[in-house]
Amino acid sequence: MAQNNGAAERRSEAASGWMLISPTFIYAVLLLAAPLLAVLFYALTLKETGGFSFGNFWEVWTKPIYQKLMGRSLTVSLSVTVVTVLLAYPVAYFVSFHVHPSKKSLWLFLITIPFWTSYLIRVFLWKVILGYNGVINSGLMSIGIIDEPLQAINYNVQAMILTLAHAYAPFAILPIFVSLEKIDRSLLEAGQDLGESRWLTFLRVTLPLSMAGVIAAVLIVFIPTVGDYVTPDLIGGGKLPMIANMIEVTMLKQNDRHMGSAIAMTAMLIVAVVSLVFLFLNKRFLRGAK
């Protein structure tokens, strides 16, 4: 009898738990799973006949234009990720270890100031700075350093990387800062008491313990920059399109949802594979550090 009562109580608790999470679960399915299934459906059907086929994926995987755009997108995204994380880590380290606790909130507040304006405005401002008649060229010409505007600072991959690195810097700084804040300072003191230099203590203690934040920063920067299409249009001048620009053109201008969905699903798959490879390598790194 007691066992039956216990089982009934567990079923009641399970039902209550499902009741609590069901609104969130249904919301997530409607806003995430349903659109993905719709995109997958379009990708697996032909525009002409509506029949099931892998032809769209085969064209995406074999056509040189898609391979070139995907390669450029991955190259730009990986470059932006490396630059952003390398620049974000010292900032997060300084705020965590060298700023007085009472002033850390002020520093974090200052770091988030770029969020006060929209992403589009920030990108457009870089176009104003790097443009042919922009701030840099006008300033250099006004003081006589150059006679004509520099063309090497705009409408190229380097300008896109600079713009994206600035736009996503706060996203990289914050998770690294959180991971650094969780490190027990006594471990660092113990390492130095055992004769380790500050640099070796950083490499053997601080860096491995903060890798969770670094991983988060890498994924937060890498994943969205692969699908960025505003920066190539404004900073690249439309001359250096990425895979997201091709998706936009295919979907909206060519009105080919089937091919556009296949391109989008392929990009999602490649990003997922690259992210999983990075997580695997990071796990090996942490295992080797131990």
C-alpha atoms as a PDB file:
ATOM      1  CA  MET A   1       0.000   0.000   0.000  1.00  0.00           C
ATOM      2  CA  ALA A   2       2.826   2.312   0.958  1.00  0.00           C
ATOM      3  CA  GLN A   3       4.596   1.522  -2.326  1.00  0.00           C
ATOM      4  CA  ASN A   4       1.472   2.420  -4.305  1.00  0.00           C
ATOM      5  CA  ASN A   5       1.193   5.718  -2.440  1.00  0.00           C
ATOM      6  CA  GLY A   6       4.858   6.465  -3.113  1.00  0.00           C
ATOM      7  CA  ALA A   7       4.458   5.694  -6.811  1.00  0.00           C
ATOM      8  CA  ALA A   8       1.365   7.904  -6.983  1.00  0.00           C
ATOM      9  CA  GLU A   9       3.246  10.754  -5.330  1.00  0.00           C
ATOM     10  CA  ARG A  10       6.116  10.402  -7.803  1.00  0.00           C
ATOM     11  CA  ARG A  11       3.700  10.426 -10.739  1.00  0.00           C
ATOM     12  CA  SER A  12       2.024  13.489  -9.273  1.00  0.00           C
ATOM     13  CA  GLU A  13       5.381  15.257  -8.903  1.00  0.00           C
ATOM     14  CA  ALA A  14       6.350  14.290 -12.454  1.00  0.00           C
ATOM     15  CA  ALA A  15       3.031  15.611 -13.764  1.00  0.00           C
ATOM     16  CA  SER A  16       3.526  18.860 -11.853  1.00  0.00           C
ATOM     17  CA  GLY A  17       7.025  19.175 -13.300  1.00  0.00           C
ATOM     18  CA  TRP A  18       5.755  18.648 -16.844  1.00  0.00           C
ATOM     19  CA  MET A  19       3.036  21.215 -16.248  1.00  0.00           C
ATOM     20  CA  LEU A  20       5.680  23.727 -15.196  1.00  0.00           C
ATOM     21  CA  ILE A  21       7.978  23.212 -18.179  1.00  0.00           C
ATOM     22  CA  SER A  22       5.310  22.615 -20.827  1.00  0.00           C
ATOM     23  CA  PRO A  23       4.728  26.319 -21.661  1.00  0.00           C
ATOM     24  CA  THR A  24       8.461  26.886 -22.135  1.00  0.00           C
ATOM     25  CA  PHE A  25       8.815  23.653 -24.083  1.00  0.00           C
ATOM     26  CA  ILE A  26       5.918  24.494 -26.401  1.00  0.00           C
ATOM     27  CA  TYR A  27       7.283  28.030 -26.866  1.00  0.00           C
ATOM     28  CA  ALA A  28      10.724  26.648 -27.779  1.00  0.00           C
ATOM     29  CA  VAL A  29       9.224  24.157 -30.240  1.00  0.00           C
ATOM     30  CA  LEU A  30       7.130  26.809 -31.961  1.00  0.00           C
ATOM     31  CA  LEU A  31       9.947  29.367 -32.248  1.00  0.00           C
ATOM     32  CA  LEU A  32      12.935  27.065 -32.869  1.00  0.00           C
ATOM     33  CA  ALA A  33      12.065  23.540 -33.931  1.00  0.00           C
ATOM     34  CA  ALA A  34       9.161  24.419 -36.233  1.00  0.00           C
ATOM     35  CA  PRO A  35      11.151  26.963 -38.347  1.00  0.00           C
ATOM     36  CA  LEU A  36      14.074  24.527 -38.603  1.00  0.00           C
ATOM     37  CA  LEU A  37      11.773  21.758 -39.771  1.00  0.00           C
ATOM     38  CA  ALA A  38      10.253  24.134 -42.324  1.00  0.00           C
ATOM     39  CA  VAL A  39      13.707  25.054 -43.642  1.00  0.00           C
ATOM     40  CA  LEU A  40      14.667  21.368 -43.802  1.00  0.00           C
ATOM     41  CA  PHE A  41      11.449  20.587 -45.687  1.00  0.00           C
ATOM     42  CA  TYR A  42      12.164  23.244 -48.315  1.00  0.00           C
ATOM     43  CA  ALA A  43      15.788  22.087 -48.611  1.00  0.00           C
ATOM     44  CA  LEU A  44      14.705  18.508 -49.331  1.00  0.00           C
ATOM     45  CA  THR A  45      12.131  19.408 -51.992  1.00  0.00           C
ATOM     46  CA  LEU A  46      12.585  20.681 -55.519  1.00  0.00           C
ATOM     47  CA  LYS A  47      11.238  24.055 -56.617  1.00  0.00           C
ATOM     48  CA  GLU A  48      10.007  22.779 -59.981  1.00  0.00           C
ATOM     49  CA  THR A  49       8.149  19.639 -58.887  1.00  0.00           C
ATOM     50  CA  GLY A  50       7.946  19.857 -55.100  1.00  0.00           C
ATOM     51  CA  GLY A  51       9.175  16.273 -54.943  1.00  0.00           C
ATOM     52  CA  PHE A  52      11.586  14.930 -52.355  1.00  0.00           C
ATOM     53  CA  SER A  53      15.224  15.120 -53.464  1.00  0.00           C
ATOM     54  CA  PHE A  54      18.787  15.741 -52.303  1.00  0.00           C
ATOM     55  CA  GLY A  55      19.443  17.693 -55.485  1.00  0.00           C
ATOM     56  CA  ASN A  56      19.541  21.058 -53.739  1.00  0.00           C
ATOM     57  CA  PHE A  57      22.176  19.836 -51.279  1.00  0.00           C
ATOM     58  CA  TRP A  58      24.175  18.218 -54.084  1.00  0.00           C
ATOM     59  CA  GLU A  59      24.275  21.505 -55.985  1.00  0.00           C
ATOM     60  CA  VAL A  60      25.357  23.406 -52.868  1.00  0.00           C
ATOM     61  CA  TRP A  61      28.120  20.906 -52.108  1.00  0.00           C
ATOM     62  CA  THR A  62      29.481  20.709 -55.655  1.00  0.00           C
ATOM     63  CA  LYS A  63      29.025  24.193 -57.137  1.00  0.00           C
ATOM     64  CA  PRO A  64      32.270  26.258 -56.869  1.00  0.00           C
ATOM     65  CA  ILE A  65      30.498  29.518 -56.029  1.00  0.00           C
ATOM     66  CA  TYR A  66      28.986  28.070 -52.855  1.00  0.00           C
ATOM     67  CA  GLN A  67      32.281  26.469 -51.862  1.00  0.00           C
ATOM     68  CA  LYS A  68      34.075  29.783 -52.327  1.00  0.00           C
ATOM     69  CA  LEU A  69      31.540  31.763 -50.302  1.00  0.00           C
ATOM     70  CA  MET A  70      31.467  29.191 -47.504  1.00  0.00           C
ATOM     71  CA  GLY A  71      35.267  29.147 -47.390  1.00  0.00           C
ATOM     72  CA  ARG A  72      35.370  32.945 -47.205  1.00  0.00           C
ATOM     73  CA  SER A  73      32.740  32.970 -44.467  1.00  0.00           C
ATOM     74  CA  LEU A  74      34.649  30.433 -42.371  1.00  0.00           C
ATOM     75  CA  THR A  75      37.951  32.249 -42.921  1.00  0.00           C
ATOM     76  CA  VAL A  76      36.521  35.618 -41.918  1.00  0.00           C
ATOM     77  CA  SER A  77      34.644  34.149 -38.948  1.00  0.00           C
ATOM     78  CA  LEU A  78      37.658  32.239 -37.632  1.00  0.00           C
ATOM     79  CA  SER A  79      39.869  35.314 -38.065  1.00  0.00           C
ATOM     80  CA  VAL A  80      37.343  37.495 -36.240  1.00  0.00           C
ATOM     81  CA  THR A  81      37.107  34.912 -33.456  1.00  0.00           C
ATOM     82  CA  VAL A  82      40.872  34.732 -32.976  1.00  0.00           C
ATOM     83  CA  VAL A  83      41.329  38.507 -33.032  1.00  0.00           C
ATOM     84  CA  THR A  84      38.370  39.154 -30.736  1.00  0.00           C
ATOM     85  CA  VAL A  85      39.306  36.555 -28.116  1.00  0.00           C
ATOM     86  CA  LEU A  86      42.982  37.558 -28.114  1.00  0.00           C
ATOM     87  CA  LEU A  87      42.011  41.188 -27.527  1.00  0.00           C
ATOM     88  CA  ALA A  88      39.184  40.374 -25.078  1.00  0.00           C
ATOM     89  CA  TYR A  89      41.210  38.139 -22.758  1.00  0.00           C
ATOM     90  CA  PRO A  90      43.642  40.850 -21.555  1.00  0.00           C
ATOM     91  CA  VAL A  91      40.747  43.226 -20.928  1.00  0.00           C
ATOM     92  CA  ALA A  92      38.833  40.623 -18.937  1.00  0.00           C
ATOM     93  CA  TYR A  93      42.016  39.651 -17.063  1.00  0.00           C
ATOM     94  CA  PHE A  94      42.765  43.260 -16.164  1.00  0.00           C
ATOM     95  CA  VAL A  95      39.247  43.907 -14.880  1.00  0.00           C
ATOM     96  CA  SER A  96      39.191  40.672 -12.891  1.00  0.00           C
ATOM     97  CA  PHE A  97      42.659  40.798 -11.313  1.00  0.00           C
ATOM     98  CA  HIS A  98      43.739  44.429 -11.280  1.00  0.00           C
ATOM     99  CA  VAL A  99      40.585  46.494 -10.843  1.00  0.00           C
ATOM    100  CA  HIS A 100      39.349  47.116  -7.304  1.00  0.00           C
ATOM    101  CA  PRO A 101      36.181  45.089  -6.563  1.00  0.00           C
ATOM    102  CA  SER A 102      34.205  48.256  -5.913  1.00  0.00           C
ATOM    103  CA  LYS A 103      34.974  49.527  -9.446  1.00  0.00           C
ATOM    104  CA  LYS A 104      34.447  46.323 -11.414  1.00  0.00           C
ATOM    105  CA  SER A 105      30.781  47.045 -11.991  1.00  0.00           C
ATOM    106  CA  LEU A 106      31.728  50.427 -13.481  1.00  0.00           C
ATOM    107  CA  TRP A 107      34.186  48.785 -15.864  1.00  0.00           C
ATOM    108  CA  LEU A 108      31.606  46.227 -16.948  1.00  0.00           C
ATOM    109  CA  PHE A 109      29.155  49.063 -17.475  1.00  0.00           C
ATOM    110  CA  LEU A 110      31.665  50.821 -19.738  1.00  0.00           C
ATOM    111  CA  ILE A 111      32.332  47.612 -21.659  1.00  0.00           C
ATOM    112  CA  THR A 112      28.643  47.258 -22.463  1.00  0.00           C
ATOM    113  CA  ILE A 113      28.324  50.823 -23.831  1.00  0.00           C
ATOM    114  CA  PRO A 114      28.474  49.569 -27.470  1.00  0.00           C
ATOM    115  CA  PHE A 115      25.226  47.722 -26.790  1.00  0.00           C
ATOM    116  CA  TRP A 116      23.496  51.080 -26.384  1.00  0.00           C
ATOM    117  CA  THR A 117      23.351  51.496 -30.148  1.00  0.00           C
ATOM    118  CA  SER A 118      22.087  49.049 -32.725  1.00  0.00           C
ATOM    119  CA  TYR A 119      24.455  46.707 -34.526  1.00  0.00           C
ATOM    120  CA  LEU A 120      23.644  48.350 -37.856  1.00  0.00           C
ATOM    121  CA  ILE A 121      24.646  51.797 -36.579  1.00  0.00           C
ATOM    122  CA  ARG A 122      27.966  50.475 -35.236  1.00  0.00           C
ATOM    123  CA  VAL A 123      28.793  48.869 -38.569  1.00  0.00           C
ATOM    124  CA  PHE A 124      27.816  51.997 -40.484  1.00  0.00           C
ATOM    125  CA  LEU A 125      30.058  54.119 -38.228  1.00  0.00           C
ATOM    126  CA  TRP A 126      33.025  51.947 -39.185  1.00  0.00           C
ATOM    127  CA  LYS A 127      32.149  52.606 -42.812  1.00  0.00           C
ATOM    128  CA  VAL A 128      32.293  56.320 -42.038  1.00  0.00           C
ATOM    129  CA  ILE A 129      35.682  55.852 -40.348  1.00  0.00           C
ATOM    130  CA  LEU A 130      37.255  53.598 -42.991  1.00  0.00           C
ATOM    131  CA  GLY A 131      35.526  54.979 -46.093  1.00  0.00           C
ATOM    132  CA  TYR A 132      37.212  56.526 -49.114  1.00  0.00           C
ATOM    133  CA  ASN A 133      36.335  59.989 -47.798  1.00  0.00           C
ATOM    134  CA  GLY A 134      36.089  58.803 -44.209  1.00  0.00           C
ATOM    135  CA  VAL A 135      37.600  60.058 -40.984  1.00  0.00           C
ATOM    136  CA  ILE A 136      40.987  58.360 -41.372  1.00  0.00           C
ATOM    137  CA  ASN A 137      41.577  59.406 -44.977  1.00  0.00           C
ATOM    138  CA  SER A 138      40.316  62.949 -44.381  1.00  0.00           C
ATOM    139  CA  GLY A 139      42.481  63.307 -41.279  1.00  0.00           C
ATOM    140  CA  LEU A 140      45.635  62.029 -42.970  1.00  0.00           C
ATOM    141  CA  MET A 141      45.083  64.263 -45.983  1.00  0.00           C
ATOM    142  CA  SER A 142      44.412  67.326 -43.850  1.00  0.00           C
ATOM    143  CA  ILE A 143      47.784  67.027 -42.092  1.00  0.00           C
ATOM    144  CA  GLY A 144      49.630  66.266 -45.318  1.00  0.00           C
ATOM    145  CA  ILE A 145      50.665  62.670 -44.680  1.00  0.00           C
ATOM    146  CA  ILE A 146      48.922  61.399 -47.825  1.00  0.00           C
ATOM    147  CA  ASP A 147      47.956  63.142 -51.062  1.00  0.00           C
ATOM    148  CA  GLU A 148      45.008  60.943 -51.992  1.00  0.00           C
ATOM    149  CA  PRO A 149      42.697  58.653 -50.003  1.00  0.00           C
ATOM    150  CA  LEU A 150      43.977  55.213 -49.077  1.00  0.00           C
ATOM    151  CA  GLN A 151      42.038  52.414 -50.706  1.00  0.00           C
ATOM    152  CA  ALA A 152      43.648  49.640 -48.677  1.00  0.00           C
ATOM    153  CA  ILE A 153      41.662  50.377 -45.517  1.00  0.00           C
ATOM    154  CA  ASN A 154      38.167  49.917 -46.915  1.00  0.00           C
ATOM    155  CA  TYR A 155      36.189  47.406 -48.933  1.00  0.00           C
ATOM    156  CA  ASN A 156      38.419  44.471 -47.997  1.00  0.00           C
ATOM    157  CA  VAL A 157      38.483  41.460 -45.696  1.00  0.00           C
ATOM    158  CA  GLN A 158      40.703  43.200 -43.127  1.00  0.00           C
ATOM    159  CA  ALA A 159      38.158  46.006 -42.699  1.00  0.00           C
ATOM    160  CA  MET A 160      35.396  43.428 -42.234  1.00  0.00           C
ATOM    161  CA  ILE A 161      37.418  41.586 -39.595  1.00  0.00           C
ATOM    162  CA  LEU A 162      38.134  44.840 -37.733  1.00  0.00           C
ATOM    163  CA  THR A 163      34.461  45.838 -37.776  1.00  0.00           C
ATOM    164  CA  LEU A 164      33.195  42.454 -36.628  1.00  0.00           C
ATOM    165  CA  ALA A 165      35.859  42.176 -33.910  1.00  0.00           C
ATOM    166  CA  HIS A 166      34.771  45.518 -32.478  1.00  0.00           C
ATOM    167  CA  ALA A 167      31.081  44.612 -32.696  1.00  0.00           C
ATOM    168  CA  TYR A 168      31.496  41.298 -30.851  1.00  0.00           C
ATOM    169  CA  ALA A 169      34.195  42.318 -28.345  1.00  0.00           C
ATOM    170  CA  PRO A 170      31.781  42.708 -25.379  1.00  0.00           C
ATOM    171  CA  PHE A 171      30.348  39.247 -26.098  1.00  0.00           C
ATOM    172  CA  ALA A 172      33.845  37.806 -25.673  1.00  0.00           C
ATOM    173  CA  ILE A 173      34.944  39.896 -22.685  1.00  0.00           C
ATOM    174  CA  LEU A 174      32.001  39.095 -20.409  1.00  0.00           C
ATOM    175  CA  PRO A 175      32.156  35.251 -20.384  1.00  0.00           C
ATOM    176  CA  ILE A 176      35.941  35.302 -19.978  1.00  0.00           C
ATOM    177  CA  PHE A 177      35.592  37.753 -17.090  1.00  0.00           C
ATOM    178  CA  VAL A 178      33.036  35.503 -15.371  1.00  0.00           C
ATOM    179  CA  SER A 179      35.328  32.473 -15.647  1.00  0.00           C
ATOM    180  CA  LEU A 180      38.290  34.460 -14.291  1.00  0.00           C
ATOM    181  CA  GLU A 181      36.208  35.669 -11.348  1.00  0.00           C
ATOM    182  CA  LYS A 182      35.496  32.058 -10.353  1.00  0.00           C
ATOM    183  CA  ILE A 183      39.180  31.182 -10.007  1.00  0.00           C
ATOM    184  CA  ASP A 184      40.297  30.689  -6.413  1.00  0.00           C
ATOM    185  CA  ARG A 185      43.062  33.242  -5.871  1.00  0.00           C
ATOM    186  CA  SER A 186      44.721  30.975  -3.314  1.00  0.00           C
ATOM    187  CA  LEU A 187      45.650  28.594  -6.135  1.00  0.00           C
ATOM    188  CA  LEU A 188      47.631  31.359  -7.827  1.00  0.00           C
ATOM    189  CA  GLU A 189      49.332  32.264  -4.567  1.00  0.00           C
ATOM    190  CA  ALA A 190      50.199  28.626  -3.986  1.00  0.00           C
ATOM    191  CA  GLY A 191      51.779  28.369  -7.420  1.00  0.00           C
ATOM    192  CA  GLN A 192      53.950  31.411  -6.799  1.00  0.00           C
ATOM    193  CA  ASP A 193      54.875  30.148  -3.320  1.00  0.00           C
ATOM    194  CA  LEU A 194      56.170  26.969  -4.970  1.00  0.00           C
ATOM    195  CA  GLY A 195      58.546  29.030  -7.079  1.00  0.00           C
ATOM    196  CA  GLU A 196      56.539  29.452 -10.274  1.00  0.00           C
ATOM    197  CA  SER A 197      56.828  32.733 -12.130  1.00  0.00           C
ATOM    198  CA  ARG A 198      53.728  34.788 -12.881  1.00  0.00           C
ATOM    199  CA  TRP A 199      53.854  33.715 -16.511  1.00  0.00           C
ATOM    200  CA  LEU A 200      54.082  29.984 -15.718  1.00  0.00           C
ATOM    201  CA  THR A 201      51.349  30.344 -13.102  1.00  0.00           C
ATOM    202  CA  PHE A 202      49.154  31.941 -15.733  1.00  0.00           C
ATOM    203  CA  LEU A 203      49.847  29.172 -18.263  1.00  0.00           C
ATOM    204  CA  ARG A 204      49.445  26.280 -15.810  1.00  0.00           C
ATOM    205  CA  VAL A 205      46.682  27.576 -13.550  1.00  0.00           C
ATOM    206  CA  THR A 206      44.845  30.674 -14.760  1.00  0.00           C
ATOM    207  CA  LEU A 207      44.487  29.820 -18.441  1.00  0.00           C
ATOM    208  CA  PRO A 208      43.253  26.204 -17.984  1.00  0.00           C
ATOM    209  CA  LEU A 209      40.781  27.264 -15.288  1.00  0.00           C
ATOM    210  CA  SER A 210      39.405  30.034 -17.506  1.00  0.00           C
ATOM    211  CA  MET A 211      39.029  27.888 -20.624  1.00  0.00           C
ATOM    212  CA  ALA A 212      35.285  27.513 -20.041  1.00  0.00           C
ATOM    213  CA  GLY A 213      34.908  31.253 -20.562  1.00  0.00           C
ATOM    214  CA  VAL A 214      37.222  31.179 -23.576  1.00  0.00           C
ATOM    215  CA  ILE A 215      35.148  28.391 -25.134  1.00  0.00           C
ATOM    216  CA  ALA A 216      31.964  30.362 -24.552  1.00  0.00           C
ATOM    217  CA  ALA A 217      33.554  33.471 -26.077  1.00  0.00           C
ATOM    218  CA  VAL A 218      34.760  31.553 -29.133  1.00  0.00           C
ATOM    219  CA  LEU A 219      31.371  30.009 -29.819  1.00  0.00           C
ATOM    220  CA  ILE A 220      29.492  33.260 -29.138  1.00  0.00           C
ATOM    221  CA  VAL A 221      31.671  35.093 -31.671  1.00  0.00           C
ATOM    222  CA  PHE A 222      32.224  32.350 -34.246  1.00  0.00           C
ATOM    223  CA  ILE A 223      28.654  31.158 -34.769  1.00  0.00           C
ATOM    224  CA  PRO A 224      26.926  34.497 -35.520  1.00  0.00           C
ATOM    225  CA  THR A 225      29.770  35.956 -37.584  1.00  0.00           C
ATOM    226  CA  VAL A 226      29.517  33.090 -40.082  1.00  0.00           C
ATOM    227  CA  GLY A 227      25.975  34.221 -40.820  1.00  0.00           C
ATOM    228  CA  ASP A 228      26.632  37.952 -40.862  1.00  0.00           C
ATOM    229  CA  TYR A 229      25.446  39.701 -44.023  1.00  0.00           C
ATOM    230  CA  VAL A 230      25.305  43.374 -42.988  1.00  0.00           C
ATOM    231  CA  THR A 231      29.072  43.874 -42.683  1.00  0.00           C
ATOM    232  CA  PRO A 232      29.933  42.424 -46.124  1.00  0.00           C
ATOM    233  CA  ASP A 233      27.366  44.775 -47.670  1.00  0.00           C
ATOM    234  CA  LEU A 234      28.450  47.951 -45.876  1.00  0.00           C
ATOM    235  CA  ILE A 235      32.152  47.415 -45.146  1.00  0.00           C
ATOM    236  CA  GLY A 236      32.888  45.041 -48.015  1.00  0.00           C
ATOM    237  CA  GLY A 237      30.993  47.251 -50.429  1.00  0.00           C
ATOM    238  CA  GLY A 238      29.114  44.224 -51.750  1.00  0.00           C
ATOM    239  CA  LYS A 239      32.332  43.037 -53.419  1.00  0.00           C
ATOM    240  CA  LEU A 240      33.111  40.385 -50.785  1.00  0.00           C
ATOM    241  CA  PRO A 241      29.831  38.556 -50.145  1.00  0.00           C
ATOM    242  CA  MET A 242      29.649  35.779 -47.617  1.00  0.00           C
ATOM    243  CA  ILE A 243      27.347  32.765 -47.457  1.00  0.00           C
ATOM    244  CA  ALA A 244      24.611  34.724 -45.659  1.00  0.00           C
ATOM    245  CA  ASN A 245      24.495  37.218 -48.530  1.00  0.00           C
ATOM    246  CA  MET A 246      23.984  34.351 -50.944  1.00  0.00           C
ATOM    247  CA  ILE A 247      21.140  33.025 -48.779  1.00  0.00           C
ATOM    248  CA  GLU A 248      19.537  36.484 -48.798  1.00  0.00           C
ATOM    249  CA  VAL A 249      19.830  36.825 -52.576  1.00  0.00           C
ATOM    250  CA  THR A 250      18.549  33.301 -53.211  1.00  0.00           C
ATOM    251  CA  MET A 251      15.631  33.616 -50.817  1.00  0.00           C
ATOM    252  CA  LEU A 252      14.468  37.179 -51.449  1.00  0.00           C
ATOM    253  CA  LYS A 253      15.666  38.265 -54.886  1.00  0.00           C
ATOM    254  CA  GLN A 254      15.586  34.957 -56.746  1.00  0.00           C
ATOM    255  CA  ASN A 255      12.566  33.760 -54.736  1.00  0.00           C
ATOM    256  CA  ASP A 256      14.073  30.261 -54.464  1.00  0.00           C
ATOM    257  CA  ARG A 257      13.289  29.128 -50.934  1.00  0.00           C
ATOM    258  CA  HIS A 258      14.338  25.565 -51.681  1.00  0.00           C
ATOM    259  CA  MET A 259      17.903  26.373 -52.719  1.00  0.00           C
ATOM    260  CA  GLY A 260      18.206  29.067 -50.060  1.00  0.00           C
ATOM    261  CA  SER A 261      17.121  26.578 -47.399  1.00  0.00           C
ATOM    262  CA  ALA A 262      19.682  24.041 -48.638  1.00  0.00           C
ATOM    263  CA  ILE A 263      22.436  26.665 -48.409  1.00  0.00           C
ATOM    264  CA  ALA A 264      21.297  27.623 -44.900  1.00  0.00           C
ATOM    265  CA  MET A 265      21.164  24.007 -43.693  1.00  0.00           C
ATOM    266  CA  THR A 266      24.604  23.315 -45.160  1.00  0.00           C
ATOM    267  CA  ALA A 267      26.043  26.357 -43.403  1.00  0.00           C
ATOM    268  CA  MET A 268      24.421  25.287 -40.117  1.00  0.00           C
ATOM    269  CA  LEU A 269      25.875  21.788 -40.475  1.00  0.00           C
ATOM    270  CA  ILE A 270      29.386  23.070 -41.194  1.00  0.00           C
ATOM    271  CA  VAL A 271      29.257  25.490 -38.250  1.00  0.00           C
ATOM    272  CA  ALA A 272      28.052  22.693 -35.968  1.00  0.00           C
ATOM    273  CA  VAL A 273      30.883  20.394 -37.087  1.00  0.00           C
ATOM    274  CA  VAL A 274      33.539  23.089 -36.637  1.00  0.00           C
ATOM    275  CA  SER A 275      32.160  23.935 -33.175  1.00  0.00           C
ATOM    276  CA  LEU A 276      32.172  20.269 -32.115  1.00  0.00           C
ATOM    277  CA  VAL A 277      35.745  19.829 -33.372  1.00  0.00           C
ATOM    278  CA  PHE A 278      36.830  22.839 -31.344  1.00  0.00           C
ATOM    279  CA  LEU A 279      35.090  21.512 -28.225  1.00  0.00           C
ATOM    280  CA  PHE A 280      36.793  18.144 -28.710  1.00  0.00           C
ATOM    281  CA  LEU A 281      40.231  19.736 -29.086  1.00  0.00           C
ATOM    282  CA  ASN A 282      39.601  21.902 -26.043  1.00  0.00           C
ATOM    283  CA  LYS A 283      38.651  18.843 -23.998  1.00  0.00           C
ATOM    284  CA  ARG A 284      41.913  17.204 -25.064  1.00  0.00           C
ATOM    285  CA  PHE A 285      43.761  20.372 -24.053  1.00  0.00           C
ATOM    286  CA  LEU A 286      42.191  20.402 -20.602  1.00  0.00           C
ATOM    287  CA  ARG A 287      42.887  16.698 -20.151  1.00  0.00           C
ATOM    288  CA  GLY A 288      46.531  17.244 -21.117  1.00  0.00           C
ATOM    289  CA  ALA A 289      46.800  20.230 -18.737  1.00  0.00           C
ATOM    290  CA  LYS A 290      45.799  18.007 -15.832  1.00  0.00           C
END
